[in-house]
């Protein structure tokens, strides 16, 4: 299993529509670790780590699905890299 990591920022109607909770649930179901939080500018951002195939599934979720009631205008994926070890032990919603 190849481990990887990426950071993300999702723009659109993504605050006040359970986007963070739905993202955390999706990531946990995929066995990923990391975090998600609202940004002051109205976007949602975070970092995900885990199996590269599972990360691809989360990318699709962040770019095209989101939570019911959300509208994704853009999703920036940055800082993609391979990892030797995970640096988080769970996926959490940050406040």
N, C-alpha and C. Protein backbone atom coordinates (compact mmCIF):
# COMPACT_ATOMS: atom_id res chain seq x y z
N UNK A 1 0.85 -1.17 0.00
CA UNK A 1 0.00 0.00 0.00
C UNK A 1 0.90 1.24 0.00
N UNK A 2 0.70 2.10 -1.00
CA UNK A 2 1.47 3.34 -1.10
C UNK A 2 0.73 4.45 -0.35
N UNK A 3 1.45 5.14 0.52
CA UNK A 3 0.85 6.22 1.29
C UNK A 3 1.09 7.56 0.61
N UNK A 4 0.11 8.42 0.71
CA UNK A 4 0.23 9.75 0.13
C UNK A 4 -0.47 10.78 0.98
N UNK A 5 -0.37 12.03 0.52
CA UNK A 5 -0.93 13.16 1.25
C UNK A 5 -1.28 14.27 0.26
N UNK A 6 -2.30 15.04 0.56
CA UNK A 6 -2.57 16.27 -0.19
C UNK A 6 -3.30 17.26 0.70
N UNK A 7 -3.17 18.53 0.33
CA UNK A 7 -3.94 19.59 0.96
C UNK A 7 -5.02 20.02 -0.01
N UNK A 8 -6.11 20.56 0.51
CA UNK A 8 -7.21 20.96 -0.36
C UNK A 8 -7.89 22.22 0.18
N UNK A 9 -8.51 22.95 -0.75
CA UNK A 9 -9.37 24.07 -0.39
C UNK A 9 -10.54 24.05 -1.36
N UNK A 10 -11.75 24.05 -0.81
CA UNK A 10 -12.96 23.93 -1.61
C UNK A 10 -13.73 25.25 -1.51
N UNK A 11 -14.10 25.77 -2.68
CA UNK A 11 -14.80 27.05 -2.78
C UNK A 11 -16.21 26.84 -3.29
N UNK A 12 -17.12 27.69 -2.88
CA UNK A 12 -18.52 27.62 -3.29
C UNK A 12 -19.39 27.78 -2.06
N UNK A 13 -20.55 27.14 -2.10
CA UNK A 13 -21.43 27.14 -0.92
C UNK A 13 -21.04 25.91 -0.10
N UNK A 14 -20.06 26.09 0.78
CA UNK A 14 -19.51 24.95 1.52
C UNK A 14 -19.51 25.17 3.03
N UNK A 15 -20.00 26.31 3.48
CA UNK A 15 -20.13 26.53 4.92
C UNK A 15 -21.62 26.60 5.27
N UNK A 16 -21.97 26.03 6.41
CA UNK A 16 -23.37 26.02 6.83
C UNK A 16 -24.20 24.95 6.16
N UNK A 17 -23.55 23.99 5.50
CA UNK A 17 -24.25 22.91 4.79
C UNK A 17 -23.68 21.54 5.16
N UNK A 18 -23.08 21.44 6.35
CA UNK A 18 -22.52 20.19 6.88
C UNK A 18 -21.39 19.63 6.01
N UNK A 19 -20.69 20.52 5.28
CA UNK A 19 -19.61 20.06 4.41
C UNK A 19 -18.47 19.43 5.21
N UNK A 20 -18.09 20.08 6.33
CA UNK A 20 -16.99 19.53 7.14
C UNK A 20 -17.35 18.16 7.70
N UNK A 21 -18.55 18.03 8.27
CA UNK A 21 -18.97 16.76 8.87
C UNK A 21 -19.05 15.66 7.81
N UNK A 22 -19.58 16.00 6.64
CA UNK A 22 -19.71 15.01 5.57
C UNK A 22 -18.34 14.61 5.04
N UNK A 23 -17.43 15.57 4.94
CA UNK A 23 -16.06 15.27 4.50
C UNK A 23 -15.37 14.35 5.50
N UNK A 24 -15.51 14.65 6.79
CA UNK A 24 -14.89 13.82 7.83
C UNK A 24 -15.46 12.40 7.78
N UNK A 25 -16.77 12.29 7.60
CA UNK A 25 -17.40 10.96 7.53
C UNK A 25 -16.88 10.18 6.32
N UNK A 26 -16.79 10.85 5.18
CA UNK A 26 -16.29 10.21 3.96
C UNK A 26 -14.85 9.74 4.16
N UNK A 27 -14.01 10.61 4.72
CA UNK A 27 -12.60 10.27 4.94
C UNK A 27 -12.46 9.11 5.93
N UNK A 28 -13.23 9.14 7.00
CA UNK A 28 -13.18 8.06 7.98
C UNK A 28 -13.63 6.74 7.37
N UNK A 29 -14.69 6.78 6.55
CA UNK A 29 -15.16 5.56 5.88
C UNK A 29 -14.09 4.99 4.94
N UNK A 30 -13.26 5.87 4.38
CA UNK A 30 -12.19 5.44 3.47
C UNK A 30 -10.94 5.02 4.23
N UNK A 31 -10.90 5.24 5.55
CA UNK A 31 -9.74 4.89 6.35
C UNK A 31 -8.62 5.91 6.27
N UNK A 32 -8.97 7.17 5.95
CA UNK A 32 -7.98 8.22 5.83
C UNK A 32 -7.85 9.01 7.13
N UNK A 33 -6.75 9.74 7.27
CA UNK A 33 -6.53 10.59 8.43
C UNK A 33 -6.23 12.00 7.94
N UNK A 34 -6.39 12.98 8.86
CA UNK A 34 -6.13 14.37 8.51
C UNK A 34 -7.11 15.28 9.22
N UNK A 35 -7.51 16.36 8.52
CA UNK A 35 -8.40 17.33 9.15
C UNK A 35 -9.13 18.15 8.09
N UNK A 36 -10.20 18.82 8.55
CA UNK A 36 -10.99 19.73 7.72
C UNK A 36 -11.45 20.88 8.60
N UNK A 37 -11.49 22.10 8.03
CA UNK A 37 -11.95 23.25 8.80
C UNK A 37 -12.51 24.33 7.88
N UNK A 38 -13.37 25.18 8.43
CA UNK A 38 -13.82 26.36 7.71
C UNK A 38 -12.71 27.39 7.72
N UNK A 39 -12.58 28.14 6.63
CA UNK A 39 -11.61 29.24 6.61
C UNK A 39 -12.38 30.56 6.75
N UNK A 40 -11.72 31.59 7.23
CA UNK A 40 -12.39 32.89 7.39
C UNK A 40 -12.92 33.46 6.07
N UNK A 41 -12.34 33.04 4.94
CA UNK A 41 -12.76 33.57 3.64
C UNK A 41 -14.00 32.89 3.09
N UNK A 42 -14.53 31.87 3.79
CA UNK A 42 -15.75 31.20 3.33
C UNK A 42 -15.52 29.87 2.65
N UNK A 43 -14.28 29.48 2.48
CA UNK A 43 -13.97 28.17 1.89
C UNK A 43 -13.84 27.13 3.01
N UNK A 44 -13.62 25.90 2.59
CA UNK A 44 -13.29 24.81 3.52
C UNK A 44 -11.94 24.28 3.09
N UNK A 45 -11.03 24.07 4.06
CA UNK A 45 -9.72 23.56 3.70
C UNK A 45 -9.30 22.47 4.65
N UNK A 46 -8.27 21.73 4.24
CA UNK A 46 -7.79 20.66 5.09
C UNK A 46 -6.66 19.89 4.46
N UNK A 47 -6.36 18.77 5.09
CA UNK A 47 -5.30 17.89 4.63
C UNK A 47 -5.75 16.45 4.83
N UNK A 48 -5.41 15.60 3.88
CA UNK A 48 -5.76 14.18 3.98
C UNK A 48 -4.52 13.33 3.73
N UNK A 49 -4.44 12.22 4.46
CA UNK A 49 -3.33 11.28 4.32
C UNK A 49 -3.88 9.86 4.35
N UNK A 50 -3.18 8.97 3.64
CA UNK A 50 -3.55 7.56 3.67
C UNK A 50 -3.20 6.88 2.37
N UNK A 51 -3.85 5.76 2.12
CA UNK A 51 -3.64 4.97 0.91
C UNK A 51 -3.97 5.82 -0.32
N UNK A 52 -3.07 5.83 -1.30
CA UNK A 52 -3.23 6.69 -2.47
C UNK A 52 -4.52 6.42 -3.25
N UNK A 53 -4.94 5.15 -3.33
CA UNK A 53 -6.20 4.84 -4.02
C UNK A 53 -7.40 5.44 -3.28
N UNK A 54 -7.37 5.39 -1.96
CA UNK A 54 -8.45 5.97 -1.15
C UNK A 54 -8.43 7.49 -1.23
N UNK A 55 -7.23 8.07 -1.32
CA UNK A 55 -7.12 9.53 -1.48
C UNK A 55 -7.76 9.98 -2.79
N UNK A 56 -7.62 9.18 -3.83
CA UNK A 56 -8.25 9.51 -5.12
C UNK A 56 -9.77 9.57 -4.97
N UNK A 57 -10.34 8.67 -4.16
CA UNK A 57 -11.78 8.69 -3.92
C UNK A 57 -12.19 9.95 -3.18
N UNK A 58 -11.39 10.37 -2.19
CA UNK A 58 -11.72 11.59 -1.45
C UNK A 58 -11.60 12.81 -2.36
N UNK A 59 -10.62 12.83 -3.26
CA UNK A 59 -10.50 13.95 -4.21
C UNK A 59 -11.76 14.08 -5.05
N UNK A 60 -12.27 12.96 -5.53
CA UNK A 60 -13.51 13.00 -6.32
C UNK A 60 -14.66 13.55 -5.50
N UNK A 61 -14.75 13.14 -4.23
CA UNK A 61 -15.78 13.64 -3.33
C UNK A 61 -15.66 15.16 -3.18
N UNK A 62 -14.44 15.63 -2.92
CA UNK A 62 -14.22 17.07 -2.69
C UNK A 62 -14.45 17.90 -3.95
N UNK A 63 -14.16 17.34 -5.11
CA UNK A 63 -14.27 18.09 -6.35
C UNK A 63 -15.67 18.06 -6.95
N UNK A 64 -16.43 16.98 -6.70
CA UNK A 64 -17.68 16.80 -7.44
C UNK A 64 -18.92 16.50 -6.61
N UNK A 65 -18.77 16.02 -5.39
CA UNK A 65 -19.94 15.58 -4.64
C UNK A 65 -20.26 16.50 -3.47
N UNK A 66 -19.43 16.50 -2.45
CA UNK A 66 -19.68 17.34 -1.28
C UNK A 66 -20.87 16.87 -0.48
N UNK A 67 -21.36 17.76 0.36
CA UNK A 67 -22.52 17.42 1.19
C UNK A 67 -23.81 17.80 0.47
N UNK A 68 -24.93 17.17 0.87
CA UNK A 68 -26.21 17.62 0.31
C UNK A 68 -26.39 19.10 0.67
N UNK A 69 -26.79 19.90 -0.29
CA UNK A 69 -26.96 21.32 -0.03
C UNK A 69 -25.74 22.16 -0.35
N UNK A 70 -24.59 21.52 -0.58
CA UNK A 70 -23.40 22.29 -0.93
C UNK A 70 -23.36 22.53 -2.44
N UNK A 71 -22.57 23.52 -2.83
CA UNK A 71 -22.30 23.78 -4.25
C UNK A 71 -20.79 23.99 -4.36
N UNK A 72 -20.13 23.14 -5.11
CA UNK A 72 -18.68 23.21 -5.27
C UNK A 72 -18.38 23.98 -6.55
N UNK A 73 -17.78 25.16 -6.38
CA UNK A 73 -17.38 25.96 -7.55
C UNK A 73 -15.97 25.60 -8.00
N UNK A 74 -15.10 25.30 -7.04
CA UNK A 74 -13.71 24.99 -7.35
C UNK A 74 -13.11 24.23 -6.18
N UNK A 75 -12.20 23.30 -6.49
CA UNK A 75 -11.46 22.59 -5.46
C UNK A 75 -9.99 22.58 -5.86
N UNK A 76 -9.17 23.26 -5.05
CA UNK A 76 -7.73 23.28 -5.31
C UNK A 76 -7.05 22.17 -4.51
N UNK A 77 -6.35 21.30 -5.20
CA UNK A 77 -5.58 20.23 -4.57
C UNK A 77 -4.11 20.64 -4.68
N UNK A 78 -3.42 20.72 -3.54
CA UNK A 78 -2.03 21.17 -3.54
C UNK A 78 -1.17 20.25 -2.68
N UNK A 79 0.12 20.42 -2.81
CA UNK A 79 1.11 19.75 -1.96
C UNK A 79 0.93 18.23 -1.96
N UNK A 80 0.65 17.67 -3.14
CA UNK A 80 0.52 16.20 -3.24
C UNK A 80 1.90 15.57 -3.12
N UNK A 81 2.00 14.54 -2.28
CA UNK A 81 3.29 13.88 -2.12
C UNK A 81 3.10 12.48 -1.55
N UNK A 82 4.12 11.67 -1.73
CA UNK A 82 4.15 10.35 -1.11
C UNK A 82 4.65 10.48 0.32
N UNK A 83 4.25 9.54 1.16
CA UNK A 83 4.65 9.55 2.57
C UNK A 83 5.25 8.21 2.96
N UNK A 84 6.20 8.26 3.88
CA UNK A 84 6.71 7.04 4.51
C UNK A 84 5.79 6.62 5.64
N UNK A 85 5.33 7.60 6.43
CA UNK A 85 4.46 7.35 7.58
C UNK A 85 3.39 8.43 7.67
N UNK A 86 2.24 8.08 8.24
CA UNK A 86 1.18 9.05 8.48
C UNK A 86 1.58 9.96 9.64
N UNK A 87 1.21 11.23 9.57
CA UNK A 87 1.52 12.14 10.66
C UNK A 87 0.29 12.45 11.52
N UNK A 88 -0.87 11.96 11.13
CA UNK A 88 -2.09 12.10 11.92
C UNK A 88 -2.56 10.70 12.32
N UNK A 89 -3.34 10.62 13.39
CA UNK A 89 -3.85 9.31 13.80
C UNK A 89 -5.35 9.17 13.61
N UNK A 90 -6.02 10.25 13.17
CA UNK A 90 -7.46 10.20 12.91
C UNK A 90 -7.81 11.33 11.96
N UNK A 91 -9.07 11.37 11.51
CA UNK A 91 -9.54 12.48 10.70
C UNK A 91 -10.48 13.29 11.56
N UNK A 92 -10.19 14.59 11.70
CA UNK A 92 -10.97 15.42 12.62
C UNK A 92 -11.48 16.70 11.98
N UNK A 93 -12.58 17.19 12.52
CA UNK A 93 -13.12 18.49 12.16
C UNK A 93 -12.50 19.50 13.12
N UNK A 94 -11.81 20.47 12.54
CA UNK A 94 -11.21 21.53 13.37
C UNK A 94 -12.14 22.74 13.38
N UNK A 95 -12.14 23.45 14.49
CA UNK A 95 -12.98 24.64 14.63
C UNK A 95 -12.15 25.88 14.50
